[in-house]
Structures are given as structure tokens and as C-alpha cells.
Amino acid sequence: MATVFAAICSATVVLFAINPAFGQERMPESEISRQNVRYDIASPISPSSATSTVSASSVPQAMERMSDSDAAADFSLGTIYAEGKFGTGSTTTIWSSALGARLRLGDWALSASLPWMRIRSRSKIFTGIDATPVLVAPNTSLVKKTTDGFGDLTLGASYTVADKALPVEVELSGRAKINTAVESSGLSSGANDYALGADVSAPLGSVTPFASFSYRFLGNTSAYRLRDGPAASAGASYALGSQSFVLVSYHYSRAATRLVDDSHELFAGATTRIGRSPLRLTGFTTAGLSRGAAAASAGVAVSFGLMRRDDR
């Protein structure tokens, strides 16, 4: 685990070293002052929305602000490693990688993600919405078992309201986790899950505070009755240039059953455009604040953006 965190820390430092335009495009001090006292909904320096979950697919999308062009798309490949006891007497390790895609058409955006997961634990853990692991029951086995394979597919749609007369941006969203995992993998609950959410952000020059709330509807299994419940986050991003920023936030999610505790954790991440290419590199980490969360996790992701500008 220490090796993984060392790699992530190194990647975060490298994020800015590999972006040559970062140090060459500083704005005059007078322009920075003007930016700090005004909001800019169309600014490309802040994330498009908050996210109430931390996963290899949700983080790259949340930390990539999509252009205001009439059509845009991005693709991501991310991976995250998490470790913790989750209130049990033994350590659980979760390795999750995910392919993600998002298409924006005007104020609408469509997204999809598919995870590959490897879980080593004595507890029962399923794939959740956006490839987020859902701990259902602790200590269901006397020895650690390893389950791996592709998890369930998540599909999403969102609508963004960004009135330039108001200093806020609101994104309304709906997501569905479709049961696509092979039953023998043990990664899927065998039921579909759904979530409705709202994200609010306020671009204020270099700083963008945000908050996110979602309510999850979890499908029951033959062995477990899963609880519907909320997930939420709040934090802020800070622009380090026109293409780079850092982000910190707090995350909460209600436990899927009464057998485990709710999750509370802190998140920190950094992202930058790689030179003048369409590639973006993101590094992130979490620290658990409750027994229901991983003690710590770390991840990296690479995103590729495409856009078509409206030339009218």
C-alpha cells in the first residue's frame, strides 16, 4: 500500500512538470484580481460538477470540465486501490479499474462505465453504481476469498442548468447500474440499482465550491435486503492555471445494510492537461473517517477529450 501511495504522490508532482504551457500562460496580476471577484460559468478551469462517489470512473468525469462547444465527448481509463478493515478483524483489499465514456449534446450529457474488479476479503462486497464497491455483510467467510472479473455496467444521463445571470451551475442526473456481471464472479447483487442526484457548483474565479447529493435505490438479493439511502459530498477546487487544478472534498454514503457502518471519507485530487494534447492526467487519494469506509485508497486516470465547435 505504501508503494501505491508513493507512486500516486510522485504522479501528482509530475502532473504539473509535464504540462509546459502551465508556466508560460500566467495571467497578469490585474487580470487575476478581476477573476477572483467574478464568476464565470463558461470557464474551463473548474470541474463540471461534484460527485457523491469515489471510483475509477466517477472521479475522471467529475474532474474534467466539458467544453461549451455544441458537442463534446471524453473517454477515460482509471484505476483505484483501496484497503481497510471496514469494521472487521481482517483487511479487505479492492482493486478496481474502469472504462468510462461521456457525450455532451448542449445541456445534456450521457455517460457509461464498465469496471473490472478484484476483491480479496472475508466479507460480501458487490459492484455498485459507477463501479463503487458496496459492502453488504462482514465476515461471511472464515477465510479470505478472491473474486475478480467485470462488474456491472452503469448508464447515466444529466441535464445542466447554467444561467449566466446567476453565479451557480446546477446539474440534475439519473443513473442506473445494470446487472451485466457474470453470476459466477460473485461481484454482482444480481439486481439493478438506480440513483437520482443534483450537483451545485459556483465558479468564483480560481475557486469553485460545490456540493452534491444523490439518493440511491438498491435492488434486493435473495439473501440480503439492501437499504435505499443518500450519498453526499461537499468541497472546492482551486485553479492552478487554465488547464490544471486541485480539489478537496468530504464524502458520505449510507451503508447498504445495518450490518455495516455508514461511510465518511476525505478526498483530494489533482489534474492537468498533458501539454497541448487532448489527454488529461488525474491523481487522487482518500482517507477514511469511519469504519464503513476504506482506511485509505489511491488512484490514477487518463482521459481523452474530443469536441466539435459550433462555427455559426
Protein backbone atom coordinates (compact mmCIF):
# COMPACT_ATOMS: atom_id res chain seq x y z
CA MET A 1 0.00 0.00 0.00
CA ALA A 2 2.87 2.34 0.83
CA THR A 3 4.31 1.72 -2.62
CA VAL A 4 1.00 2.63 -4.26
CA PHE A 5 0.75 5.89 -2.30
CA ALA A 6 4.34 6.79 -3.13
CA ALA A 7 3.55 6.27 -6.82
CA ILE A 8 0.45 8.45 -6.59
CA CYS A 9 2.31 11.25 -4.81
CA SER A 10 5.01 11.13 -7.48
CA ALA A 11 2.35 11.21 -10.21
CA THR A 12 0.74 14.27 -8.64
CA VAL A 13 4.06 16.11 -8.70
CA VAL A 14 4.66 15.03 -12.29
CA LEU A 15 1.20 16.30 -13.30
CA PHE A 16 2.47 19.85 -13.43
CA ALA A 17 6.01 19.18 -14.58
CA ILE A 18 4.76 17.57 -17.81
CA ASN A 19 2.50 20.49 -18.70
CA PRO A 20 4.83 23.04 -20.38
CA ALA A 21 2.06 25.52 -21.04
CA PHE A 22 1.33 25.86 -17.33
CA GLY A 23 4.28 28.10 -16.50
CA GLN A 24 4.07 30.09 -19.75
CA GLU A 25 0.47 31.22 -19.62
CA ARG A 26 0.28 33.12 -16.34
CA MET A 27 -2.14 35.98 -16.43
CA PRO A 28 -1.17 39.49 -15.38
CA GLU A 29 -1.83 40.21 -11.69
CA SER A 30 -4.57 42.68 -12.61
CA GLU A 31 -6.40 40.00 -14.61
CA ILE A 32 -6.10 37.50 -11.73
CA SER A 33 -7.63 40.05 -9.38
CA ARG A 34 -10.54 40.60 -11.73
CA GLN A 35 -11.12 36.83 -11.99
CA ASN A 36 -11.16 36.44 -8.24
CA VAL A 37 -14.14 38.76 -7.84
CA ARG A 38 -16.36 37.44 -10.60
CA TYR A 39 -17.93 34.14 -11.55
CA ASP A 40 -17.53 32.53 -14.95
CA ILE A 41 -19.87 29.67 -15.81
CA ALA A 42 -18.03 29.00 -19.10
CA SER A 43 -14.59 28.86 -17.50
CA PRO A 44 -12.63 25.69 -18.41
CA ILE A 45 -10.59 25.68 -15.20
CA SER A 46 -13.05 24.04 -12.81
CA PRO A 47 -14.74 20.62 -12.77
CA SER A 48 -18.09 20.28 -14.46
CA SER A 49 -19.76 19.05 -11.29
CA ALA A 50 -19.23 17.48 -7.92
CA THR A 51 -19.60 13.74 -7.40
CA SER A 52 -21.05 11.89 -4.44
CA THR A 53 -19.00 8.75 -5.14
CA VAL A 54 -15.28 8.00 -5.48
CA SER A 55 -14.42 5.40 -8.10
CA ALA A 56 -12.19 4.79 -11.11
CA SER A 57 -14.97 6.06 -13.40
CA SER A 58 -16.67 8.86 -11.44
CA VAL A 59 -13.53 10.80 -10.49
CA PRO A 60 -12.14 11.33 -14.04
CA GLN A 61 -15.52 12.61 -15.24
CA ALA A 62 -16.03 14.92 -12.26
CA MET A 63 -12.54 16.42 -12.66
CA GLU A 64 -12.88 17.03 -16.41
CA ARG A 65 -14.93 20.12 -17.26
CA MET A 66 -16.53 19.61 -20.65
CA SER A 67 -16.23 22.42 -23.19
CA ASP A 68 -19.08 24.78 -24.01
CA SER A 69 -18.88 23.66 -27.65
CA ASP A 70 -22.10 22.31 -29.15
CA ALA A 71 -20.88 18.71 -28.87
CA ALA A 72 -18.10 17.11 -26.86
CA ALA A 73 -17.03 13.67 -25.73
CA ASP A 74 -14.45 12.23 -23.40
CA PHE A 75 -13.16 8.76 -22.62
CA SER A 76 -11.27 7.64 -19.54
CA LEU A 77 -9.35 4.71 -18.15
CA GLY A 78 -8.86 4.79 -14.40
CA THR A 79 -7.75 2.50 -11.62
CA ILE A 80 -8.08 2.68 -7.83
CA TYR A 81 -6.70 0.57 -4.99
CA ALA A 82 -8.46 0.60 -1.61
CA GLU A 83 -7.63 -1.13 1.65
CA GLY A 84 -9.23 -1.30 5.09
CA LYS A 85 -10.82 -3.50 7.76
CA PHE A 86 -14.32 -2.00 7.35
CA GLY A 87 -15.11 -2.72 11.00
CA THR A 88 -13.96 -6.35 10.82
CA GLY A 89 -10.93 -8.15 12.22
CA SER A 90 -9.27 -8.68 8.84
CA THR A 91 -8.09 -6.46 5.99
CA THR A 92 -10.01 -6.20 2.72
CA THR A 93 -8.29 -5.11 -0.49
CA ILE A 94 -10.19 -3.84 -3.53
CA TRP A 95 -8.60 -3.19 -6.92
CA SER A 96 -10.94 -1.60 -9.44
CA SER A 97 -10.27 -0.38 -12.97
CA ALA A 98 -12.93 1.16 -15.20
CA LEU A 99 -13.51 2.33 -18.75
CA GLY A 100 -15.69 5.43 -18.91
CA ALA A 101 -17.29 7.43 -21.73
CA ARG A 102 -19.33 10.62 -21.75
CA LEU A 103 -21.08 12.52 -24.54
CA ARG A 104 -22.35 16.07 -24.20
CA LEU A 105 -25.01 17.48 -26.54
CA GLY A 106 -25.88 21.02 -25.50
CA ASP A 107 -27.06 20.95 -21.89
CA TRP A 108 -27.48 17.16 -21.92
CA ALA A 109 -24.81 14.57 -21.17
CA LEU A 110 -24.87 10.78 -21.46
CA SER A 111 -22.35 8.54 -19.73
CA ALA A 112 -21.38 4.90 -19.36
CA SER A 113 -18.80 2.98 -17.37
CA LEU A 114 -17.75 -0.65 -17.04
CA PRO A 115 -15.44 -1.82 -14.23
CA TRP A 116 -13.07 -4.73 -13.80
CA MET A 117 -12.66 -5.59 -10.13
CA ARG A 118 -10.52 -7.79 -7.94
CA ILE A 119 -11.64 -8.13 -4.31
CA ARG A 120 -9.88 -10.12 -1.60
CA SER A 121 -11.95 -10.28 1.57
CA ARG A 122 -13.83 -12.34 4.12
CA SER A 123 -16.86 -10.10 3.58
CA LYS A 124 -19.58 -9.88 0.92
CA ILE A 125 -18.98 -6.96 -1.49
CA PHE A 126 -20.88 -6.14 -4.70
CA THR A 127 -20.32 -3.76 -7.60
CA GLY A 128 -22.30 -0.56 -7.07
CA ILE A 129 -23.29 2.44 -9.17
CA ASP A 130 -20.30 3.95 -11.02
CA ALA A 131 -18.14 0.93 -10.08
CA THR A 132 -18.29 1.85 -6.39
CA PRO A 133 -17.89 -1.26 -4.19
CA VAL A 134 -20.91 -1.88 -1.92
CA LEU A 135 -20.12 -3.67 1.34
CA VAL A 136 -23.17 -5.74 2.29
CA ALA A 137 -22.10 -8.02 5.14
CA PRO A 138 -18.87 -8.52 7.12
CA ASN A 139 -17.19 -11.82 7.98
CA THR A 140 -19.30 -14.04 5.73
CA SER A 141 -16.36 -16.41 5.23
CA LEU A 142 -13.85 -18.00 7.63
CA VAL A 143 -11.00 -17.37 5.18
CA LYS A 144 -10.29 -14.64 2.63
CA LYS A 145 -11.68 -15.25 -0.82
CA THR A 146 -10.64 -13.59 -4.07
CA THR A 147 -13.29 -12.60 -6.60
CA ASP A 148 -12.45 -10.90 -9.87
CA GLY A 149 -13.93 -10.10 -13.24
CA PHE A 150 -16.05 -7.47 -14.95
CA GLY A 151 -18.63 -5.78 -12.73
CA ASP A 152 -21.98 -4.24 -13.61
CA LEU A 153 -22.45 -1.59 -16.31
CA THR A 154 -23.55 1.90 -15.20
CA LEU A 155 -25.50 4.19 -17.56
CA GLY A 156 -26.26 7.82 -16.77
CA ALA A 157 -27.92 10.97 -18.09
CA SER A 158 -27.72 14.53 -16.81
CA TYR A 159 -29.03 18.00 -17.59
CA THR A 160 -27.09 21.16 -16.72
CA VAL A 161 -28.71 24.47 -15.84
CA ALA A 162 -26.21 27.34 -16.12
CA ASP A 163 -27.97 30.69 -16.30
CA LYS A 164 -25.33 33.36 -16.88
CA ALA A 165 -27.41 35.77 -14.79
CA LEU A 166 -26.82 33.58 -11.72
CA PRO A 167 -23.47 32.63 -10.13
CA VAL A 168 -24.33 28.93 -9.88
CA GLU A 169 -24.39 25.87 -12.09
CA VAL A 170 -26.82 23.03 -11.34
CA GLU A 171 -26.62 19.53 -12.78
CA LEU A 172 -29.56 17.13 -12.40
CA SER A 173 -28.77 13.48 -13.03
CA GLY A 174 -30.08 9.94 -13.09
CA ARG A 175 -28.02 6.75 -13.10
CA ALA A 176 -28.72 3.05 -13.45
CA LYS A 177 -26.46 0.12 -12.64
CA ILE A 178 -27.46 -2.72 -14.92
CA ASN A 179 -26.83 -6.33 -13.92
CA THR A 180 -24.29 -7.41 -16.56
CA ALA A 181 -21.66 -9.21 -14.46
CA VAL A 182 -21.30 -12.97 -14.77
CA GLU A 183 -23.20 -14.55 -11.88
CA SER A 184 -20.35 -16.92 -11.00
CA SER A 185 -17.98 -13.98 -10.41
CA GLY A 186 -19.74 -13.09 -7.17
CA LEU A 187 -19.33 -9.39 -7.95
CA SER A 188 -22.97 -8.57 -8.69
CA SER A 189 -26.02 -8.47 -6.47
CA GLY A 190 -28.00 -9.77 -9.45
CA ALA A 191 -30.32 -6.75 -9.23
CA ASN A 192 -30.36 -3.32 -10.84
CA ASP A 193 -29.61 -0.19 -8.79
CA TYR A 194 -30.73 3.39 -9.50
CA ALA A 195 -29.82 6.88 -8.30
CA LEU A 196 -31.16 10.41 -8.68
CA GLY A 197 -28.89 13.35 -7.92
CA ALA A 198 -28.23 17.07 -8.02
CA ASP A 199 -24.86 18.86 -8.12
CA VAL A 200 -24.42 22.56 -7.44
CA SER A 201 -21.22 24.50 -8.15
CA ALA A 202 -20.37 28.20 -8.09
CA PRO A 203 -17.38 29.20 -10.26
CA LEU A 204 -15.84 32.21 -8.46
CA GLY A 205 -12.67 32.97 -10.39
CA SER A 206 -9.97 30.49 -9.35
CA VAL A 207 -12.09 28.86 -6.64
CA THR A 208 -15.16 26.70 -7.28
CA PRO A 209 -17.07 25.48 -4.22
CA PHE A 210 -19.51 22.64 -4.88
CA ALA A 211 -21.96 20.28 -3.23
CA SER A 212 -23.54 17.07 -4.45
CA PHE A 213 -26.45 14.95 -3.24
CA SER A 214 -27.85 11.70 -4.59
CA TYR A 215 -30.36 9.13 -3.40
CA ARG A 216 -29.72 5.51 -4.22
CA PHE A 217 -32.32 2.80 -4.77
CA LEU A 218 -30.63 -0.57 -4.28
CA GLY A 219 -32.10 -3.82 -5.54
CA ASN A 220 -32.55 -6.64 -3.01
CA THR A 221 -30.93 -10.05 -3.31
CA SER A 222 -32.22 -13.44 -2.26
CA ALA A 223 -30.02 -13.29 0.84
CA TYR A 224 -29.95 -9.57 1.72
CA ARG A 225 -32.45 -6.74 1.89
CA LEU A 226 -30.48 -3.65 0.85
CA ARG A 227 -31.32 -0.19 2.18
CA ASP A 228 -32.07 2.76 -0.07
CA GLY A 229 -30.36 5.91 1.11
CA PRO A 230 -28.44 9.12 0.46
CA ALA A 231 -24.89 9.90 -0.57
CA ALA A 232 -23.43 13.41 -0.49
CA SER A 233 -20.23 15.39 -0.88
CA ALA A 234 -19.02 18.98 -0.48
CA GLY A 235 -15.74 20.68 -1.26
CA ALA A 236 -13.94 23.08 -3.56
CA SER A 237 -11.50 23.14 -6.45
CA TYR A 238 -8.69 25.65 -6.95
CA ALA A 239 -7.31 26.50 -10.38
CA LEU A 240 -3.53 26.41 -10.79
CA GLY A 241 -3.73 27.60 -14.39
CA SER A 242 -6.01 27.40 -17.38
CA GLN A 243 -5.63 23.60 -17.59
CA SER A 244 -4.74 22.42 -14.07
CA PHE A 245 -6.42 22.39 -10.69
CA VAL A 246 -6.57 20.64 -7.32
CA LEU A 247 -9.69 19.54 -5.48
CA VAL A 248 -10.56 18.57 -1.90
CA SER A 249 -13.89 17.30 -0.59
CA TYR A 250 -15.74 15.35 2.09
CA HIS A 251 -17.90 12.34 1.14
CA TYR A 252 -20.69 10.49 2.94
CA SER A 253 -22.81 7.49 1.94
CA ARG A 254 -25.36 5.47 3.88
CA ALA A 255 -24.49 1.82 4.45
CA ALA A 256 -26.31 -0.67 2.23
CA THR A 257 -27.31 -2.80 5.24
CA ARG A 258 -27.50 -2.43 9.01
CA LEU A 259 -24.65 -4.94 9.29
CA VAL A 260 -22.04 -2.28 8.41
CA ASP A 261 -21.43 1.37 9.29
CA ASP A 262 -22.02 4.44 7.13
CA SER A 263 -19.06 5.73 5.11
CA HIS A 264 -17.31 9.03 5.83
CA GLU A 265 -14.11 9.95 4.00
CA LEU A 266 -11.91 12.80 2.79
CA PHE A 267 -10.88 13.12 -0.88
CA ALA A 268 -8.01 15.01 -2.52
CA GLY A 269 -7.05 15.08 -6.19
CA ALA A 270 -5.09 16.94 -8.83
CA THR A 271 -5.48 17.02 -12.59
CA THR A 272 -3.76 18.63 -15.57
CA ARG A 273 -3.79 18.67 -19.34
CA ILE A 274 -0.74 16.94 -20.82
CA GLY A 275 0.92 19.68 -22.87
CA ARG A 276 -1.29 20.73 -25.78
CA SER A 277 -2.68 17.25 -26.30
CA PRO A 278 -6.31 16.15 -25.69
CA LEU A 279 -5.06 13.96 -22.83
CA ARG A 280 -5.63 14.72 -19.16
CA LEU A 281 -3.86 13.03 -16.23
CA THR A 282 -5.55 12.78 -12.83
CA GLY A 283 -4.27 11.51 -9.48
CA PHE A 284 -6.38 11.17 -6.34
CA THR A 285 -6.47 9.68 -2.84
CA THR A 286 -8.92 9.20 0.04
CA ALA A 287 -8.66 8.79 3.81
CA GLY A 288 -11.40 7.02 5.75
CA LEU A 289 -13.07 8.73 8.71
CA SER A 290 -15.35 5.84 9.71
CA ARG A 291 -15.32 2.05 9.90
CA GLY A 292 -17.67 1.92 6.93
CA ALA A 293 -15.06 3.46 4.61
CA ALA A 294 -11.75 2.17 3.31
CA ALA A 295 -8.88 3.21 5.58
CA ALA A 296 -7.17 4.65 2.52
CA SER A 297 -7.28 4.48 -1.26
CA ALA A 298 -5.38 5.93 -4.19
CA GLY A 299 -5.93 6.06 -7.93
CA VAL A 300 -4.85 7.45 -11.29
CA ALA A 301 -6.74 8.04 -14.53
CA VAL A 302 -6.06 9.16 -18.08
CA SER A 303 -8.80 10.95 -20.04
CA PHE A 304 -9.04 11.72 -23.75
CA GLY A 305 -11.28 14.59 -24.87
CA LEU A 306 -12.91 15.32 -28.24
CA MET A 307 -15.06 18.27 -29.24
CA ARG A 308 -16.81 19.85 -32.22
CA ARG A 309 -17.18 23.60 -32.11
CA ASP A 310 -20.22 25.49 -33.32
CA ASP A 311 -18.88 27.62 -36.19
CA ARG A 312 -22.06 29.50 -36.85
